[in-house]
Amino acid sequence: MDSNCATGFGYADRLKPKRKLGGQLGAEEYQESAESVASKADDLAKLIQGSQEVFIFTGAGISTSMGIPDFRGPSGIWTARKKKQPISALRTPFEYYRPSFTHMAIAALVAAGKVKCVCSQNVDCLHLRSGIPRSLLAELHGNCFAERCEACKREYTCDFQVETVNFQPTGRVCVAPACGSRDAKEGCRPPSLLDNVLDWDSALPDDELDAAIDAAKRSELTLVLGSSLQISPANGIPTLTPQTKRGKGKEKGKMVIVNLQKTPKDRRSGSPFVYCCPNLEPYLLHGRGSHFVRILESFRVERSFVVMPV
């Protein structure tokens, strides 16, 4: 096992070689003043409070503040490889990373019942570690810390990175009573566990994709965090919220994009929140976002989780 990998290194090395990665690499990043971000956070908090259901769509950008590199940013993994530049090693083994403030704020919204589905393109397991129930998490690209039984489909979460990709046997077997134990009693080898990570040519999992699409269509607000929204079909999911009419008035929902880079979906967003710094949560929780604070007053964000120094 290579512990020196990110949403990233070892995982990326295990994917099939691919020359054309699609989308733009190394696009310019934009920063806003603290005053601008605080003002937008206050407006966004009101939007969240006024929405019956919020759908959250996340990308690698929500983990960069911890020192985990993204893929397509100026210092991203794919960007560095295209330029034939070295990729900086993580400052702590990947499996030691714990959810960031961003992850915990999202988990708090889930606990408050405001968010009923979080769709993530990340494979780092940090949403699960933040406490979000697996049933409310759509992992489009899988999870490099998870294995799934080939027979009963039970999922196992590991404290180490699974060594394979593209749904290959990991060398371990299912021990579920209704599956592995039964086969053992009958003298048969229990079903194998398979990795749960997509390769380049793998299709998005139907169950995860359907859950995300349904949530995007029924939600009044979609919040995109840390994704450049460049690769289809995943980048089309958040746009279903502003495209879908709902309620008696047949009003369309809203989409807010919080990302350092411009995205192909910015115009569809129609919101003034694009290009914000991705670290909005401190403002939402403790700054001018009093509406957001009231939403979470019964679900205090746990501040005692460990974030390894980076």
C-alpha atoms as a PDB file:
ATOM      1  CA  MET A   1       0.000   0.000   0.000  1.00  0.00           C
ATOM      2  CA  ASP A   2       1.280   3.460  -0.907  1.00  0.00           C
ATOM      3  CA  SER A   3       0.435   5.802   1.933  1.00  0.00           C
ATOM      4  CA  ASN A   4       1.884   8.786   0.083  1.00  0.00           C
ATOM      5  CA  CYS A   5      -1.127   9.528  -2.066  1.00  0.00           C
ATOM      6  CA  ALA A   6      -3.883  12.053  -2.207  1.00  0.00           C
ATOM      7  CA  THR A   7      -7.286  12.231  -3.737  1.00  0.00           C
ATOM      8  CA  GLY A   8      -4.619  11.478  -5.804  1.00  0.00           C
ATOM      9  CA  PHE A   9      -1.246   9.990  -5.863  1.00  0.00           C
ATOM     10  CA  GLY A  10      -1.509   6.226  -5.425  1.00  0.00           C
ATOM     11  CA  TYR A  11      -5.092   6.252  -6.676  1.00  0.00           C
ATOM     12  CA  ALA A  12      -4.116   8.228  -9.779  1.00  0.00           C
ATOM     13  CA  ASP A  13      -1.157   5.932 -10.435  1.00  0.00           C
ATOM     14  CA  ARG A  14      -3.457   2.919 -10.460  1.00  0.00           C
ATOM     15  CA  LEU A  15      -5.683   4.322 -13.203  1.00  0.00           C
ATOM     16  CA  LYS A  16      -5.102   3.328 -16.802  1.00  0.00           C
ATOM     17  CA  PRO A  17      -2.747   5.673 -18.679  1.00  0.00           C
ATOM     18  CA  LYS A  18      -4.718   8.341 -20.540  1.00  0.00           C
ATOM     19  CA  ARG A  19      -3.305  11.059 -22.765  1.00  0.00           C
ATOM     20  CA  LYS A  20      -6.435  13.174 -23.194  1.00  0.00           C
ATOM     21  CA  LEU A  21      -7.893  13.917 -19.785  1.00  0.00           C
ATOM     22  CA  GLY A  22     -10.677  16.193 -20.996  1.00  0.00           C
ATOM     23  CA  GLY A  23     -11.469  19.672 -19.732  1.00  0.00           C
ATOM     24  CA  GLN A  24      -9.068  22.526 -19.047  1.00  0.00           C
ATOM     25  CA  LEU A  25      -6.007  22.078 -16.869  1.00  0.00           C
ATOM     26  CA  GLY A  26      -4.328  24.777 -14.789  1.00  0.00           C
ATOM     27  CA  ALA A  27      -6.981  27.467 -15.264  1.00  0.00           C
ATOM     28  CA  GLU A  28      -6.492  30.758 -13.422  1.00  0.00           C
ATOM     29  CA  GLU A  29      -7.806  30.969  -9.869  1.00  0.00           C
ATOM     30  CA  TYR A  30      -9.600  34.026  -8.505  1.00  0.00           C
ATOM     31  CA  GLN A  31      -9.611  35.402  -4.976  1.00  0.00           C
ATOM     32  CA  GLU A  32     -12.075  37.763  -3.339  1.00  0.00           C
ATOM     33  CA  SER A  33     -11.702  40.064  -0.387  1.00  0.00           C
ATOM     34  CA  ALA A  34     -12.807  38.904   3.033  1.00  0.00           C
ATOM     35  CA  GLU A  35     -15.501  41.598   3.007  1.00  0.00           C
ATOM     36  CA  SER A  36     -16.908  40.359  -0.291  1.00  0.00           C
ATOM     37  CA  VAL A  37     -16.926  36.735   0.836  1.00  0.00           C
ATOM     38  CA  ALA A  38     -18.569  37.658   4.151  1.00  0.00           C
ATOM     39  CA  SER A  39     -21.312  39.595   2.365  1.00  0.00           C
ATOM     40  CA  LYS A  40     -21.976  36.744  -0.049  1.00  0.00           C
ATOM     41  CA  ALA A  41     -21.939  34.252   2.803  1.00  0.00           C
ATOM     42  CA  ASP A  42     -24.673  36.210   4.531  1.00  0.00           C
ATOM     43  CA  ASP A  43     -26.801  36.138   1.373  1.00  0.00           C
ATOM     44  CA  LEU A  44     -26.096  32.444   0.866  1.00  0.00           C
ATOM     45  CA  ALA A  45     -27.083  31.692   4.457  1.00  0.00           C
ATOM     46  CA  LYS A  46     -30.467  33.302   3.785  1.00  0.00           C
ATOM     47  CA  LEU A  47     -30.851  31.202   0.637  1.00  0.00           C
ATOM     48  CA  ILE A  48     -30.101  28.040   2.602  1.00  0.00           C
ATOM     49  CA  GLN A  49     -32.551  28.957   5.328  1.00  0.00           C
ATOM     50  CA  GLY A  50     -35.254  29.755   2.799  1.00  0.00           C
ATOM     51  CA  SER A  51     -34.887  26.428   0.985  1.00  0.00           C
ATOM     52  CA  GLN A  52     -36.784  23.383   2.143  1.00  0.00           C
ATOM     53  CA  GLU A  53     -34.125  21.058   0.729  1.00  0.00           C
ATOM     54  CA  VAL A  54     -30.548  21.754  -0.374  1.00  0.00           C
ATOM     55  CA  PHE A  55     -28.487  19.495  -2.641  1.00  0.00           C
ATOM     56  CA  ILE A  56     -24.687  19.637  -2.243  1.00  0.00           C
ATOM     57  CA  PHE A  57     -22.243  18.670  -4.998  1.00  0.00           C
ATOM     58  CA  THR A  58     -18.548  18.530  -4.056  1.00  0.00           C
ATOM     59  CA  GLY A  59     -15.218  18.232  -5.830  1.00  0.00           C
ATOM     60  CA  ALA A  60     -11.545  18.045  -4.908  1.00  0.00           C
ATOM     61  CA  GLY A  61     -11.430  21.760  -4.090  1.00  0.00           C
ATOM     62  CA  ILE A  62     -13.055  21.226  -0.682  1.00  0.00           C
ATOM     63  CA  SER A  63      -9.932  19.411   0.530  1.00  0.00           C
ATOM     64  CA  THR A  64      -7.147  21.607  -0.844  1.00  0.00           C
ATOM     65  CA  SER A  65      -7.054  23.748   2.315  1.00  0.00           C
ATOM     66  CA  MET A  66      -5.825  20.635   4.143  1.00  0.00           C
ATOM     67  CA  GLY A  67      -2.925  20.174   1.748  1.00  0.00           C
ATOM     68  CA  ILE A  68      -4.570  17.522  -0.433  1.00  0.00           C
ATOM     69  CA  PRO A  69      -4.041  18.568  -4.066  1.00  0.00           C
ATOM     70  CA  ASP A  70      -6.842  18.767  -6.602  1.00  0.00           C
ATOM     71  CA  PHE A  71      -6.527  17.484 -10.168  1.00  0.00           C
ATOM     72  CA  ARG A  72      -7.073  20.391 -12.558  1.00  0.00           C
ATOM     73  CA  GLY A  73      -5.962  23.439 -10.580  1.00  0.00           C
ATOM     74  CA  PRO A  74      -2.684  25.287 -11.235  1.00  0.00           C
ATOM     75  CA  SER A  75      -0.913  22.834  -8.897  1.00  0.00           C
ATOM     76  CA  GLY A  76      -3.242  19.902  -9.591  1.00  0.00           C
ATOM     77  CA  ILE A  77      -2.100  16.363 -10.217  1.00  0.00           C
ATOM     78  CA  TRP A  78      -3.184  16.189 -13.863  1.00  0.00           C
ATOM     79  CA  THR A  79      -1.843  19.706 -14.478  1.00  0.00           C
ATOM     80  CA  ALA A  80       1.582  18.781 -13.101  1.00  0.00           C
ATOM     81  CA  ARG A  81       1.724  15.597 -15.135  1.00  0.00           C
ATOM     82  CA  LYS A  82       0.843  17.413 -18.342  1.00  0.00           C
ATOM     83  CA  LYS A  83       3.667  19.879 -17.683  1.00  0.00           C
ATOM     84  CA  LYS A  84       5.943  16.972 -16.660  1.00  0.00           C
ATOM     85  CA  GLN A  85       6.480  18.593 -13.298  1.00  0.00           C
ATOM     86  CA  PRO A  86       6.995  16.687 -10.036  1.00  0.00           C
ATOM     87  CA  ILE A  87       4.010  16.274  -7.750  1.00  0.00           C
ATOM     88  CA  SER A  88       4.668  17.404  -4.213  1.00  0.00           C
ATOM     89  CA  ALA A  89       4.405  14.648  -1.644  1.00  0.00           C
ATOM     90  CA  LEU A  90       1.760  14.894   1.041  1.00  0.00           C
ATOM     91  CA  ARG A  91       2.997  16.091   4.399  1.00  0.00           C
ATOM     92  CA  THR A  92       1.147  13.331   6.204  1.00  0.00           C
ATOM     93  CA  PRO A  93      -0.012   9.892   5.017  1.00  0.00           C
ATOM     94  CA  PHE A  94      -3.326  10.080   3.190  1.00  0.00           C
ATOM     95  CA  GLU A  95      -5.142   7.736   5.541  1.00  0.00           C
ATOM     96  CA  TYR A  96      -4.385  10.052   8.481  1.00  0.00           C
ATOM     97  CA  TYR A  97      -6.351  12.970   7.048  1.00  0.00           C
ATOM     98  CA  ARG A  98      -9.565  13.827   8.843  1.00  0.00           C
ATOM     99  CA  PRO A  99     -12.574  15.881   7.690  1.00  0.00           C
ATOM    100  CA  SER A 100     -11.985  19.595   7.331  1.00  0.00           C
ATOM    101  CA  PHE A 101     -14.203  22.395   8.597  1.00  0.00           C
ATOM    102  CA  THR A 102     -15.927  22.297   5.211  1.00  0.00           C
ATOM    103  CA  HIS A 103     -16.736  18.599   5.534  1.00  0.00           C
ATOM    104  CA  MET A 104     -18.072  19.087   9.058  1.00  0.00           C
ATOM    105  CA  ALA A 105     -20.250  22.045   8.034  1.00  0.00           C
ATOM    106  CA  ILE A 106     -21.792  19.899   5.292  1.00  0.00           C
ATOM    107  CA  ALA A 107     -22.334  17.083   7.802  1.00  0.00           C
ATOM    108  CA  ALA A 108     -24.069  19.561  10.115  1.00  0.00           C
ATOM    109  CA  LEU A 109     -26.475  20.559   7.345  1.00  0.00           C
ATOM    110  CA  VAL A 110     -27.223  16.877   6.793  1.00  0.00           C
ATOM    111  CA  ALA A 111     -27.810  16.370  10.516  1.00  0.00           C
ATOM    112  CA  ALA A 112     -30.134  19.376  10.540  1.00  0.00           C
ATOM    113  CA  GLY A 113     -32.228  17.736   7.821  1.00  0.00           C
ATOM    114  CA  LYS A 114     -31.556  20.573   5.386  1.00  0.00           C
ATOM    115  CA  VAL A 115     -29.487  18.367   3.051  1.00  0.00           C
ATOM    116  CA  LYS A 116     -30.796  14.915   2.144  1.00  0.00           C
ATOM    117  CA  CYS A 117     -28.152  14.031  -0.426  1.00  0.00           C
ATOM    118  CA  VAL A 118     -24.485  14.926  -0.826  1.00  0.00           C
ATOM    119  CA  CYS A 119     -23.034  14.010  -4.207  1.00  0.00           C
ATOM    120  CA  SER A 120     -19.236  13.837  -4.315  1.00  0.00           C
ATOM    121  CA  GLN A 121     -16.685  13.218  -7.030  1.00  0.00           C
ATOM    122  CA  ASN A 122     -14.030  12.591  -4.378  1.00  0.00           C
ATOM    123  CA  VAL A 123     -12.702   9.167  -3.435  1.00  0.00           C
ATOM    124  CA  ASP A 124     -11.050  10.220  -0.159  1.00  0.00           C
ATOM    125  CA  CYS A 125     -13.729   8.927   2.279  1.00  0.00           C
ATOM    126  CA  LEU A 126     -13.783  12.255   4.148  1.00  0.00           C
ATOM    127  CA  HIS A 127     -17.539  12.728   3.791  1.00  0.00           C
ATOM    128  CA  LEU A 128     -18.129   9.351   5.409  1.00  0.00           C
ATOM    129  CA  ARG A 129     -15.641  10.141   8.162  1.00  0.00           C
ATOM    130  CA  SER A 130     -17.478  13.384   8.841  1.00  0.00           C
ATOM    131  CA  GLY A 131     -20.498  11.353   9.885  1.00  0.00           C
ATOM    132  CA  ILE A 132     -22.727  11.592   6.809  1.00  0.00           C
ATOM    133  CA  PRO A 133     -24.755   8.364   6.533  1.00  0.00           C
ATOM    134  CA  ARG A 134     -23.801   6.268   3.519  1.00  0.00           C
ATOM    135  CA  SER A 135     -27.450   6.234   2.450  1.00  0.00           C
ATOM    136  CA  LEU A 136     -27.343  10.033   2.011  1.00  0.00           C
ATOM    137  CA  LEU A 137     -24.052  10.067   0.100  1.00  0.00           C
ATOM    138  CA  ALA A 138     -23.723   9.527  -3.652  1.00  0.00           C
ATOM    139  CA  GLU A 139     -20.081   8.727  -4.459  1.00  0.00           C
ATOM    140  CA  LEU A 140     -19.900   9.060  -8.235  1.00  0.00           C
ATOM    141  CA  HIS A 141     -16.284   7.958  -8.572  1.00  0.00           C
ATOM    142  CA  GLY A 142     -16.256   5.517  -5.692  1.00  0.00           C
ATOM    143  CA  ASN A 143     -14.134   5.420  -2.560  1.00  0.00           C
ATOM    144  CA  CYS A 144     -10.542   4.216  -2.370  1.00  0.00           C
ATOM    145  CA  PHE A 145     -11.102   3.232   1.258  1.00  0.00           C
ATOM    146  CA  ALA A 146     -14.060   0.935   0.513  1.00  0.00           C
ATOM    147  CA  GLU A 147     -14.713  -2.584  -0.727  1.00  0.00           C
ATOM    148  CA  ARG A 148     -18.000  -4.124  -1.853  1.00  0.00           C
ATOM    149  CA  CYS A 149     -19.114  -7.759  -1.881  1.00  0.00           C
ATOM    150  CA  GLU A 150     -19.600  -9.088  -5.400  1.00  0.00           C
ATOM    151  CA  ALA A 151     -22.640 -11.083  -4.260  1.00  0.00           C
ATOM    152  CA  CYS A 152     -24.637  -9.264  -1.570  1.00  0.00           C
ATOM    153  CA  LYS A 153     -23.226  -5.783  -2.396  1.00  0.00           C
ATOM    154  CA  ARG A 154     -22.480  -5.051   1.265  1.00  0.00           C
ATOM    155  CA  GLU A 155     -19.893  -2.287   1.564  1.00  0.00           C
ATOM    156  CA  TYR A 156     -16.931  -2.336   3.922  1.00  0.00           C
ATOM    157  CA  THR A 157     -15.027   0.816   4.865  1.00  0.00           C
ATOM    158  CA  CYS A 158     -11.310   0.336   5.527  1.00  0.00           C
ATOM    159  CA  ASP A 159      -8.703   2.344   7.430  1.00  0.00           C
ATOM    160  CA  PHE A 160      -6.257   1.772   4.574  1.00  0.00           C
ATOM    161  CA  GLN A 161      -6.384   2.399   0.844  1.00  0.00           C
ATOM    162  CA  VAL A 162      -7.621  -0.496  -1.226  1.00  0.00           C
ATOM    163  CA  GLU A 163      -4.880  -1.575  -3.610  1.00  0.00           C
ATOM    164  CA  THR A 164      -6.868  -1.931  -6.850  1.00  0.00           C
ATOM    165  CA  VAL A 165      -9.261   0.063  -9.048  1.00  0.00           C
ATOM    166  CA  ASN A 166     -11.999  -0.756 -11.558  1.00  0.00           C
ATOM    167  CA  PHE A 167     -13.895  -3.239  -9.351  1.00  0.00           C
ATOM    168  CA  GLN A 168     -11.182  -5.865  -9.121  1.00  0.00           C
ATOM    169  CA  PRO A 169     -10.939  -8.529  -6.374  1.00  0.00           C
ATOM    170  CA  THR A 170      -8.951  -7.204  -3.425  1.00  0.00           C
ATOM    171  CA  GLY A 171      -8.000 -10.603  -2.017  1.00  0.00           C
ATOM    172  CA  ARG A 172     -10.448 -10.313   0.875  1.00  0.00           C
ATOM    173  CA  VAL A 173     -13.851 -11.987   1.209  1.00  0.00           C
ATOM    174  CA  CYS A 174     -17.304 -11.112   2.520  1.00  0.00           C
ATOM    175  CA  VAL A 175     -18.030 -12.098   6.113  1.00  0.00           C
ATOM    176  CA  ALA A 176     -21.694 -11.046   6.223  1.00  0.00           C
ATOM    177  CA  PRO A 177     -23.779 -13.777   7.945  1.00  0.00           C
ATOM    178  CA  ALA A 178     -26.153 -14.066   5.010  1.00  0.00           C
ATOM    179  CA  CYS A 179     -23.319 -14.341   2.523  1.00  0.00           C
ATOM    180  CA  GLY A 180     -19.805 -15.313   3.588  1.00  0.00           C
ATOM    181  CA  SER A 181     -20.690 -17.419   6.639  1.00  0.00           C
ATOM    182  CA  ARG A 182     -23.259 -19.431   4.722  1.00  0.00           C
ATOM    183  CA  ASP A 183     -20.825 -20.272   1.953  1.00  0.00           C
ATOM    184  CA  ALA A 184     -18.159 -21.217   4.491  1.00  0.00           C
ATOM    185  CA  LYS A 185     -20.515 -23.691   6.138  1.00  0.00           C
ATOM    186  CA  GLU A 186     -21.276 -25.227   2.756  1.00  0.00           C
ATOM    187  CA  GLY A 187     -17.567 -25.651   2.083  1.00  0.00           C
ATOM    188  CA  CYS A 188     -17.465 -22.952  -0.585  1.00  0.00           C
ATOM    189  CA  ARG A 189     -15.177 -19.979  -0.683  1.00  0.00           C
ATOM    190  CA  PRO A 190     -17.078 -16.841   0.386  1.00  0.00           C
ATOM    191  CA  PRO A 191     -17.683 -14.218  -2.307  1.00  0.00           C
ATOM    192  CA  SER A 192     -14.829 -11.859  -3.041  1.00  0.00           C
ATOM    193  CA  LEU A 193     -14.703  -8.203  -2.068  1.00  0.00           C
ATOM    194  CA  LEU A 194     -14.111  -5.816  -4.956  1.00  0.00           C
ATOM    195  CA  ASP A 195     -12.623  -2.350  -4.871  1.00  0.00           C
ATOM    196  CA  ASN A 196     -15.132   0.460  -5.246  1.00  0.00           C
ATOM    197  CA  VAL A 197     -13.192   2.928  -7.432  1.00  0.00           C
ATOM    198  CA  LEU A 198     -13.909   3.793 -11.049  1.00  0.00           C
ATOM    199  CA  ASP A 199     -11.263   3.781 -13.758  1.00  0.00           C
ATOM    200  CA  TRP A 200     -11.325   6.169 -16.702  1.00  0.00           C
ATOM    201  CA  ASP A 201     -13.616   4.020 -18.844  1.00  0.00           C
ATOM    202  CA  SER A 202     -15.908   2.882 -16.037  1.00  0.00           C
ATOM    203  CA  ALA A 203     -19.530   3.975 -16.200  1.00  0.00           C
ATOM    204  CA  LEU A 204     -20.881   6.009 -13.298  1.00  0.00           C
ATOM    205  CA  PRO A 205     -22.727   3.685 -10.886  1.00  0.00           C
ATOM    206  CA  ASP A 206     -26.448   3.723 -11.629  1.00  0.00           C
ATOM    207  CA  ASP A 207     -27.591   3.748  -8.008  1.00  0.00           C
ATOM    208  CA  GLU A 208     -25.358   6.668  -7.029  1.00  0.00           C
ATOM    209  CA  LEU A 209     -26.177   8.591 -10.215  1.00  0.00           C
ATOM    210  CA  ASP A 210     -29.935   8.095  -9.830  1.00  0.00           C
ATOM    211  CA  ALA A 211     -29.856   9.259  -6.199  1.00  0.00           C
ATOM    212  CA  ALA A 212     -27.976  12.423  -7.155  1.00  0.00           C
ATOM    213  CA  ILE A 213     -30.256  13.216 -10.092  1.00  0.00           C
ATOM    214  CA  ASP A 214     -33.395  12.756  -8.003  1.00  0.00           C
ATOM    215  CA  ALA A 215     -32.024  15.019  -5.249  1.00  0.00           C
ATOM    216  CA  ALA A 216     -30.966  17.726  -7.714  1.00  0.00           C
ATOM    217  CA  LYS A 217     -34.415  17.767  -9.317  1.00  0.00           C
ATOM    218  CA  ARG A 218     -36.409  17.989  -6.091  1.00  0.00           C
ATOM    219  CA  SER A 219     -34.142  20.462  -4.247  1.00  0.00           C
ATOM    220  CA  GLU A 220     -34.779  24.183  -4.282  1.00  0.00           C
ATOM    221  CA  LEU A 221     -31.099  25.020  -4.000  1.00  0.00           C
ATOM    222  CA  THR A 222     -27.951  23.303  -5.230  1.00  0.00           C
ATOM    223  CA  LEU A 223     -24.617  24.268  -3.711  1.00  0.00           C
ATOM    224  CA  VAL A 224     -21.527  23.333  -5.740  1.00  0.00           C
ATOM    225  CA  LEU A 225     -18.363  23.345  -3.636  1.00  0.00           C
ATOM    226  CA  GLY A 226     -14.849  23.004  -5.045  1.00  0.00           C
ATOM    227  CA  SER A 227     -15.644  21.574  -8.473  1.00  0.00           C
ATOM    228  CA  SER A 228     -14.660  22.994 -11.850  1.00  0.00           C
ATOM    229  CA  LEU A 229     -17.676  21.201 -13.405  1.00  0.00           C
ATOM    230  CA  GLN A 230     -15.750  20.249 -16.526  1.00  0.00           C
ATOM    231  CA  ILE A 231     -16.449  16.554 -17.039  1.00  0.00           C
ATOM    232  CA  SER A 232     -19.769  15.158 -18.182  1.00  0.00           C
ATOM    233  CA  PRO A 233     -22.122  13.614 -17.366  1.00  0.00           C
ATOM    234  CA  ALA A 234     -21.444  14.513 -13.704  1.00  0.00           C
ATOM    235  CA  ASN A 235     -21.233  18.251 -14.405  1.00  0.00           C
ATOM    236  CA  GLY A 236     -24.815  18.245 -15.638  1.00  0.00           C
ATOM    237  CA  ILE A 237     -26.280  17.048 -12.342  1.00  0.00           C
ATOM    238  CA  PRO A 238     -26.184  20.394 -10.448  1.00  0.00           C
ATOM    239  CA  THR A 239     -27.816  22.199 -13.377  1.00  0.00           C
ATOM    240  CA  LEU A 240     -30.946  20.069 -12.985  1.00  0.00           C
ATOM    241  CA  THR A 241     -31.972  22.235 -10.017  1.00  0.00           C
ATOM    242  CA  PRO A 242     -32.288  25.533 -11.955  1.00  0.00           C
ATOM    243  CA  GLN A 243     -33.775  23.628 -14.908  1.00  0.00           C
ATOM    244  CA  THR A 244     -36.558  21.875 -12.986  1.00  0.00           C
ATOM    245  CA  LYS A 245     -39.866  23.520 -12.122  1.00  0.00           C
ATOM    246  CA  ARG A 246     -41.400  22.558  -8.771  1.00  0.00           C
ATOM    247  CA  GLY A 247     -44.241  23.508  -6.466  1.00  0.00           C
ATOM    248  CA  LYS A 248     -47.576  25.126  -7.222  1.00  0.00           C
ATOM    249  CA  GLY A 249     -45.923  28.181  -8.689  1.00  0.00           C
ATOM    250  CA  LYS A 250     -43.694  26.014 -10.886  1.00  0.00           C
ATOM    251  CA  GLU A 251     -40.664  28.013  -9.826  1.00  0.00           C
ATOM    252  CA  LYS A 252     -37.217  26.856 -10.836  1.00  0.00           C
ATOM    253  CA  GLY A 253     -34.544  26.213  -8.252  1.00  0.00           C
ATOM    254  CA  LYS A 254     -31.258  28.043  -7.741  1.00  0.00           C
ATOM    255  CA  MET A 255     -27.662  26.912  -8.160  1.00  0.00           C
ATOM    256  CA  VAL A 256     -24.733  28.486  -6.320  1.00  0.00           C
ATOM    257  CA  ILE A 257     -21.171  27.711  -7.434  1.00  0.00           C
ATOM    258  CA  VAL A 258     -18.377  28.247  -4.910  1.00  0.00           C
ATOM    259  CA  ASN A 259     -15.069  27.627  -6.631  1.00  0.00           C
ATOM    260  CA  LEU A 260     -11.761  29.394  -7.257  1.00  0.00           C
ATOM    261  CA  GLN A 261     -11.889  28.762 -11.012  1.00  0.00           C
ATOM    262  CA  LYS A 262     -14.474  29.689 -13.596  1.00  0.00           C
ATOM    263  CA  THR A 263     -16.679  26.791 -14.676  1.00  0.00           C
ATOM    264  CA  PRO A 264     -18.631  26.000 -17.868  1.00  0.00           C
ATOM    265  CA  LYS A 265     -21.843  26.216 -15.816  1.00  0.00           C
ATOM    266  CA  ASP A 266     -21.397  29.718 -14.380  1.00  0.00           C
ATOM    267  CA  ARG A 267     -23.979  31.315 -16.683  1.00  0.00           C
ATOM    268  CA  ARG A 268     -26.541  28.684 -15.840  1.00  0.00           C
ATOM    269  CA  SER A 269     -26.027  29.434 -12.199  1.00  0.00           C
ATOM    270  CA  GLY A 270     -27.343  32.957 -12.572  1.00  0.00           C
ATOM    271  CA  SER A 271     -26.070  33.689  -9.064  1.00  0.00           C
ATOM    272  CA  PRO A 272     -23.558  36.274  -7.816  1.00  0.00           C
ATOM    273  CA  PHE A 273     -21.685  33.671  -5.756  1.00  0.00           C
ATOM    274  CA  VAL A 274     -19.383  32.223  -8.390  1.00  0.00           C
ATOM    275  CA  TYR A 275     -15.601  32.531  -8.003  1.00  0.00           C
ATOM    276  CA  CYS A 276     -15.811  32.839  -4.229  1.00  0.00           C
ATOM    277  CA  CYS A 277     -13.136  31.512  -1.982  1.00  0.00           C
ATOM    278  CA  PRO A 278     -14.160  27.892  -1.203  1.00  0.00           C
ATOM    279  CA  ASN A 279     -13.774  28.425   2.555  1.00  0.00           C
ATOM    280  CA  LEU A 280     -17.154  30.057   3.062  1.00  0.00           C
ATOM    281  CA  GLU A 281     -18.095  27.970   6.073  1.00  0.00           C
ATOM    282  CA  PRO A 282     -16.342  30.026   8.787  1.00  0.00           C
ATOM    283  CA  TYR A 283     -18.275  33.075   7.595  1.00  0.00           C
ATOM    284  CA  LEU A 284     -21.526  31.149   7.417  1.00  0.00           C
ATOM    285  CA  LEU A 285     -21.104  29.748  10.915  1.00  0.00           C
ATOM    286  CA  HIS A 286     -19.441  32.525  12.882  1.00  0.00           C
ATOM    287  CA  GLY A 287     -19.486  35.661  10.767  1.00  0.00           C
ATOM    288  CA  ARG A 288     -22.445  37.555   9.414  1.00  0.00           C
ATOM    289  CA  GLY A 289     -24.362  34.396   8.489  1.00  0.00           C
ATOM    290  CA  SER A 290     -26.666  34.471  11.514  1.00  0.00           C
ATOM    291  CA  HIS A 291     -29.418  32.691   9.586  1.00  0.00           C
ATOM    292  CA  PHE A 292     -27.117  29.742   8.995  1.00  0.00           C
ATOM    293  CA  VAL A 293     -26.156  29.705  12.649  1.00  0.00           C
ATOM    294  CA  ARG A 294     -29.812  29.410  13.641  1.00  0.00           C
ATOM    295  CA  ILE A 295     -30.238  26.437  11.323  1.00  0.00           C
ATOM    296  CA  LEU A 296     -27.398  24.675  13.119  1.00  0.00           C
ATOM    297  CA  GLU A 297     -28.028  25.854  16.664  1.00  0.00           C
ATOM    298  CA  SER A 298     -29.290  22.401  17.651  1.00  0.00           C
ATOM    299  CA  PHE A 299     -26.577  20.635  15.683  1.00  0.00           C
ATOM    300  CA  ARG A 300     -23.323  22.234  16.789  1.00  0.00           C
ATOM    301  CA  VAL A 301     -20.413  21.472  14.482  1.00  0.00           C
ATOM    302  CA  GLU A 302     -18.049  19.224  16.374  1.00  0.00           C
ATOM    303  CA  ARG A 303     -14.789  21.140  16.592  1.00  0.00           C
ATOM    304  CA  SER A 304     -12.792  18.402  18.347  1.00  0.00           C
ATOM    305  CA  PHE A 305     -12.035  16.348  15.241  1.00  0.00           C
ATOM    306  CA  VAL A 306      -8.358  16.033  14.379  1.00  0.00           C
ATOM    307  CA  VAL A 307      -6.922  17.716  11.308  1.00  0.00           C
ATOM    308  CA  MET A 308      -3.354  16.564  10.827  1.00  0.00           C
ATOM    309  CA  PRO A 309      -0.863  19.439  10.441  1.00  0.00           C
ATOM    310  CA  VAL A 310       0.099  20.076   6.832  1.00  0.00           C
END
